[in-house]
Amino acid sequence: AAAIYDDWSLGPLTMTFERKLYFIFLVIAIVVAWIARNIHRSNTGRAMAAVRDHDLAASALGVNPARAKIMAFGISAFIAGMAGAMFGMQQQYITIDPFDWNVSVECSAMVVLGGMGAVFGAVAGAVADQVGLRAVAIAEGVVIISMASVASRPSINS
């Protein structure tokens, strides 16, 4: 287990702990998105969608609403547990400090930006959210630098 914390070298390339985690988590995220997409297209996914839309109509069509709800809860709990384990491994400790109200708003914004209907929509929303945050940070930096340059310019009257 300690081998993952050691740096790996192959010629000029060095894989640090953070890079290894990045690629491991990227593979896990792709696999989970693929599984979620396949579940969405399966009979179980269609049953979940039918129960979500109207559980009485779904039960009239032969879908067991309780089973579909328990499956949805179990699958989402598994995915959330995987995300929590990945977060704990990346942080190397677990505390509630990073999870404030802003995180809930940010996650909701990612879903709204990407759309709730598609599995990869949430991924696109997350990318758009992060790109937007970086753009705002860059714009703030440009404004601060320009204000500092204006403030340090000598006055014409002196």
C-alpha atoms as a PDB file:
ATOM      1  CA  ALA A   1       0.000   0.000   0.000  1.00  0.00           C
ATOM      2  CA  ALA A   2       2.941   2.325   0.559  1.00  0.00           C
ATOM      3  CA  ALA A   3       4.046   1.934  -3.086  1.00  0.00           C
ATOM      4  CA  ILE A   4       1.350   4.333  -4.263  1.00  0.00           C
ATOM      5  CA  TYR A   5       2.890   7.119  -2.170  1.00  0.00           C
ATOM      6  CA  ASP A   6       6.355   6.632  -3.699  1.00  0.00           C
ATOM      7  CA  ASP A   7       7.345   8.436  -6.881  1.00  0.00           C
ATOM      8  CA  TRP A   8       7.663   6.268  -9.971  1.00  0.00           C
ATOM      9  CA  SER A   9      10.268   7.138 -12.583  1.00  0.00           C
ATOM     10  CA  LEU A  10      10.535   5.942 -16.146  1.00  0.00           C
ATOM     11  CA  GLY A  11      13.349   7.842 -17.787  1.00  0.00           C
ATOM     12  CA  PRO A  12      12.562  11.570 -17.716  1.00  0.00           C
ATOM     13  CA  LEU A  13       8.941  10.961 -16.667  1.00  0.00           C
ATOM     14  CA  THR A  14       8.134  10.998 -12.966  1.00  0.00           C
ATOM     15  CA  MET A  15       4.770  10.010 -11.582  1.00  0.00           C
ATOM     16  CA  THR A  16       4.144  11.741  -8.280  1.00  0.00           C
ATOM     17  CA  PHE A  17       1.427  10.687  -5.849  1.00  0.00           C
ATOM     18  CA  GLU A  18      -0.867  13.454  -7.097  1.00  0.00           C
ATOM     19  CA  ARG A  19      -0.451  12.457 -10.750  1.00  0.00           C
ATOM     20  CA  LYS A  20      -1.105   8.800  -9.975  1.00  0.00           C
ATOM     21  CA  LEU A  21      -4.266   9.769  -8.103  1.00  0.00           C
ATOM     22  CA  TYR A  22      -5.356  11.949 -10.991  1.00  0.00           C
ATOM     23  CA  PHE A  23      -5.128   9.130 -13.513  1.00  0.00           C
ATOM     24  CA  ILE A  24      -6.671   6.570 -11.146  1.00  0.00           C
ATOM     25  CA  PHE A  25      -9.582   8.907 -10.394  1.00  0.00           C
ATOM     26  CA  LEU A  26      -9.980   9.751 -14.079  1.00  0.00           C
ATOM     27  CA  VAL A  27     -10.331   6.067 -14.925  1.00  0.00           C
ATOM     28  CA  ILE A  28     -12.797   5.570 -12.057  1.00  0.00           C
ATOM     29  CA  ALA A  29     -14.860   8.583 -13.194  1.00  0.00           C
ATOM     30  CA  ILE A  30     -14.984   7.324 -16.783  1.00  0.00           C
ATOM     31  CA  VAL A  31     -16.006   3.827 -15.654  1.00  0.00           C
ATOM     32  CA  VAL A  32     -18.719   5.183 -13.331  1.00  0.00           C
ATOM     33  CA  ALA A  33     -20.070   7.475 -16.067  1.00  0.00           C
ATOM     34  CA  TRP A  34     -20.122   4.543 -18.496  1.00  0.00           C
ATOM     35  CA  ILE A  35     -21.929   2.334 -15.961  1.00  0.00           C
ATOM     36  CA  ALA A  36     -24.446   5.096 -15.200  1.00  0.00           C
ATOM     37  CA  ARG A  37     -25.104   5.560 -18.914  1.00  0.00           C
ATOM     38  CA  ASN A  38     -25.659   1.834 -19.356  1.00  0.00           C
ATOM     39  CA  ILE A  39     -27.968   1.696 -16.333  1.00  0.00           C
ATOM     40  CA  HIS A  40     -29.931   4.621 -17.774  1.00  0.00           C
ATOM     41  CA  ARG A  41     -30.503   2.655 -20.992  1.00  0.00           C
ATOM     42  CA  SER A  42     -31.318  -0.642 -19.254  1.00  0.00           C
ATOM     43  CA  ASN A  43     -34.678  -1.976 -18.067  1.00  0.00           C
ATOM     44  CA  THR A  44     -33.731  -0.973 -14.519  1.00  0.00           C
ATOM     45  CA  GLY A  45     -33.020   2.586 -15.660  1.00  0.00           C
ATOM     46  CA  ARG A  46     -36.283   2.781 -17.558  1.00  0.00           C
ATOM     47  CA  ALA A  47     -38.111   1.515 -14.475  1.00  0.00           C
ATOM     48  CA  MET A  48     -36.410   4.189 -12.356  1.00  0.00           C
ATOM     49  CA  ALA A  49     -37.378   6.876 -14.865  1.00  0.00           C
ATOM     50  CA  ALA A  50     -40.975   5.635 -14.939  1.00  0.00           C
ATOM     51  CA  VAL A  51     -41.186   5.707 -11.136  1.00  0.00           C
ATOM     52  CA  ARG A  52     -39.599   9.171 -11.094  1.00  0.00           C
ATOM     53  CA  ASP A  53     -42.160  10.501 -13.550  1.00  0.00           C
ATOM     54  CA  HIS A  54     -45.269   8.846 -12.083  1.00  0.00           C
ATOM     55  CA  ASP A  55     -45.057   5.894  -9.734  1.00  0.00           C
ATOM     56  CA  LEU A  56     -48.742   4.975  -9.978  1.00  0.00           C
ATOM     57  CA  ALA A  57     -48.559   4.770 -13.774  1.00  0.00           C
ATOM     58  CA  ALA A  58     -45.304   2.795 -13.492  1.00  0.00           C
ATOM     59  CA  SER A  59     -46.894   0.277 -11.141  1.00  0.00           C
ATOM     60  CA  ALA A  60     -49.817  -0.063 -13.569  1.00  0.00           C
ATOM     61  CA  LEU A  61     -47.255  -1.060 -16.212  1.00  0.00           C
ATOM     62  CA  GLY A  62     -45.791  -3.746 -13.952  1.00  0.00           C
ATOM     63  CA  VAL A  63     -42.885  -1.847 -12.404  1.00  0.00           C
ATOM     64  CA  ASN A  64     -42.335  -2.366  -8.689  1.00  0.00           C
ATOM     65  CA  PRO A  65     -41.871   1.220  -7.402  1.00  0.00           C
ATOM     66  CA  ALA A  66     -40.298   0.159  -4.106  1.00  0.00           C
ATOM     67  CA  ARG A  67     -37.700  -1.983  -5.889  1.00  0.00           C
ATOM     68  CA  ALA A  68     -36.883   0.811  -8.357  1.00  0.00           C
ATOM     69  CA  LYS A  69     -36.498   3.362  -5.561  1.00  0.00           C
ATOM     70  CA  ILE A  70     -34.264   1.046  -3.533  1.00  0.00           C
ATOM     71  CA  MET A  71     -32.118   0.354  -6.618  1.00  0.00           C
ATOM     72  CA  ALA A  72     -31.784   4.087  -7.295  1.00  0.00           C
ATOM     73  CA  PHE A  73     -30.851   4.718  -3.670  1.00  0.00           C
ATOM     74  CA  GLY A  74     -28.311   1.889  -3.632  1.00  0.00           C
ATOM     75  CA  ILE A  75     -26.655   2.912  -6.881  1.00  0.00           C
ATOM     76  CA  SER A  76     -26.440   6.568  -5.883  1.00  0.00           C
ATOM     77  CA  ALA A  77     -25.125   5.627  -2.418  1.00  0.00           C
ATOM     78  CA  PHE A  78     -22.417   3.498  -4.038  1.00  0.00           C
ATOM     79  CA  ILE A  79     -21.364   6.341  -6.336  1.00  0.00           C
ATOM     80  CA  ALA A  80     -21.395   8.852  -3.469  1.00  0.00           C
ATOM     81  CA  GLY A  81     -19.378   6.458  -1.308  1.00  0.00           C
ATOM     82  CA  MET A  82     -16.794   6.056  -4.074  1.00  0.00           C
ATOM     83  CA  ALA A  83     -16.554   9.834  -4.402  1.00  0.00           C
ATOM     84  CA  GLY A  84     -16.119  10.209  -0.648  1.00  0.00           C
ATOM     85  CA  ALA A  85     -13.411   7.547  -0.567  1.00  0.00           C
ATOM     86  CA  MET A  86     -11.614   9.255  -3.448  1.00  0.00           C
ATOM     87  CA  PHE A  87     -11.870  12.619  -1.697  1.00  0.00           C
ATOM     88  CA  GLY A  88     -10.518  11.147   1.546  1.00  0.00           C
ATOM     89  CA  MET A  89      -7.618   9.535  -0.281  1.00  0.00           C
ATOM     90  CA  GLN A  90      -6.769  12.755  -2.084  1.00  0.00           C
ATOM     91  CA  GLN A  91      -6.973  14.883   1.077  1.00  0.00           C
ATOM     92  CA  GLN A  92      -5.316  12.180   3.241  1.00  0.00           C
ATOM     93  CA  TYR A  93      -7.673  13.136   6.071  1.00  0.00           C
ATOM     94  CA  ILE A  94     -11.403  13.602   6.446  1.00  0.00           C
ATOM     95  CA  THR A  95     -13.092  16.644   7.954  1.00  0.00           C
ATOM     96  CA  ILE A  96     -16.307  18.551   7.283  1.00  0.00           C
ATOM     97  CA  ASP A  97     -14.564  21.903   6.788  1.00  0.00           C
ATOM     98  CA  PRO A  98     -14.548  21.850   2.950  1.00  0.00           C
ATOM     99  CA  PHE A  99     -18.297  21.151   2.801  1.00  0.00           C
ATOM    100  CA  ASP A 100     -20.130  24.389   3.393  1.00  0.00           C
ATOM    101  CA  TRP A 101     -23.161  25.979   1.758  1.00  0.00           C
ATOM    102  CA  ASN A 102     -21.130  27.085  -1.260  1.00  0.00           C
ATOM    103  CA  VAL A 103     -20.403  23.471  -2.227  1.00  0.00           C
ATOM    104  CA  SER A 104     -24.135  22.696  -2.397  1.00  0.00           C
ATOM    105  CA  VAL A 105     -24.766  25.756  -4.542  1.00  0.00           C
ATOM    106  CA  GLU A 106     -21.821  24.871  -6.786  1.00  0.00           C
ATOM    107  CA  CYS A 107     -23.041  21.275  -7.271  1.00  0.00           C
ATOM    108  CA  SER A 108     -26.534  22.529  -8.066  1.00  0.00           C
ATOM    109  CA  ALA A 109     -25.067  24.979 -10.586  1.00  0.00           C
ATOM    110  CA  MET A 110     -23.156  22.147 -12.251  1.00  0.00           C
ATOM    111  CA  VAL A 111     -26.335  20.113 -12.649  1.00  0.00           C
ATOM    112  CA  VAL A 112     -28.295  23.116 -13.942  1.00  0.00           C
ATOM    113  CA  LEU A 113     -25.552  24.037 -16.428  1.00  0.00           C
ATOM    114  CA  GLY A 114     -25.195  20.497 -17.753  1.00  0.00           C
ATOM    115  CA  GLY A 115     -28.766  19.339 -17.501  1.00  0.00           C
ATOM    116  CA  MET A 116     -30.307  16.570 -15.441  1.00  0.00           C
ATOM    117  CA  GLY A 117     -31.391  14.390 -18.363  1.00  0.00           C
ATOM    118  CA  ALA A 118     -27.986  13.198 -19.541  1.00  0.00           C
ATOM    119  CA  VAL A 119     -25.226  11.458 -17.628  1.00  0.00           C
ATOM    120  CA  PHE A 120     -22.499  13.394 -19.384  1.00  0.00           C
ATOM    121  CA  GLY A 121     -24.466  16.630 -18.941  1.00  0.00           C
ATOM    122  CA  ALA A 122     -23.390  16.794 -15.315  1.00  0.00           C
ATOM    123  CA  VAL A 123     -19.773  16.311 -16.406  1.00  0.00           C
ATOM    124  CA  ALA A 124     -20.162  19.104 -18.961  1.00  0.00           C
ATOM    125  CA  GLY A 125     -21.737  21.284 -16.262  1.00  0.00           C
ATOM    126  CA  ALA A 126     -18.818  20.613 -13.924  1.00  0.00           C
ATOM    127  CA  VAL A 127     -16.324  21.525 -16.636  1.00  0.00           C
ATOM    128  CA  ALA A 128     -18.274  24.686 -17.507  1.00  0.00           C
ATOM    129  CA  ASP A 129     -18.480  25.630 -13.835  1.00  0.00           C
ATOM    130  CA  GLN A 130     -14.757  25.184 -13.268  1.00  0.00           C
ATOM    131  CA  VAL A 131     -13.850  27.036 -16.473  1.00  0.00           C
ATOM    132  CA  GLY A 132     -16.174  29.850 -15.390  1.00  0.00           C
ATOM    133  CA  LEU A 133     -14.562  30.006 -11.956  1.00  0.00           C
ATOM    134  CA  ARG A 134     -11.096  30.174 -13.511  1.00  0.00           C
ATOM    135  CA  ALA A 135     -12.238  32.920 -15.897  1.00  0.00           C
ATOM    136  CA  VAL A 136     -13.623  34.951 -12.999  1.00  0.00           C
ATOM    137  CA  ALA A 137     -10.378  34.499 -11.053  1.00  0.00           C
ATOM    138  CA  ILE A 138      -8.343  35.627 -14.063  1.00  0.00           C
ATOM    139  CA  ALA A 139     -10.629  38.646 -14.567  1.00  0.00           C
ATOM    140  CA  GLU A 140     -10.262  39.588 -10.890  1.00  0.00           C
ATOM    141  CA  GLY A 141      -6.483  39.373 -11.240  1.00  0.00           C
ATOM    142  CA  VAL A 142      -6.532  41.593 -14.326  1.00  0.00           C
ATOM    143  CA  VAL A 143      -8.682  44.169 -12.536  1.00  0.00           C
ATOM    144  CA  ILE A 144      -6.406  44.168  -9.479  1.00  0.00           C
ATOM    145  CA  ILE A 145      -3.269  44.523 -11.616  1.00  0.00           C
ATOM    146  CA  SER A 146      -4.783  47.340 -13.673  1.00  0.00           C
ATOM    147  CA  MET A 147      -5.942  49.139 -10.518  1.00  0.00           C
ATOM    148  CA  ALA A 148      -2.464  48.783  -9.024  1.00  0.00           C
ATOM    149  CA  SER A 149      -0.856  50.151 -12.171  1.00  0.00           C
ATOM    150  CA  VAL A 150      -3.239  53.129 -12.224  1.00  0.00           C
ATOM    151  CA  ALA A 151      -2.620  53.806  -8.529  1.00  0.00           C
ATOM    152  CA  SER A 152       1.157  53.704  -8.954  1.00  0.00           C
ATOM    153  CA  ARG A 153       1.171  56.037 -11.993  1.00  0.00           C
ATOM    154  CA  PRO A 154       2.532  59.481 -11.141  1.00  0.00           C
ATOM    155  CA  SER A 155       0.052  62.284 -11.103  1.00  0.00           C
ATOM    156  CA  ILE A 156       0.084  64.840 -13.946  1.00  0.00           C
ATOM    157  CA  ASN A 157      -0.375  67.778 -11.569  1.00  0.00           C
ATOM    158  CA  SER A 158       2.753  67.105  -9.512  1.00  0.00           C
END
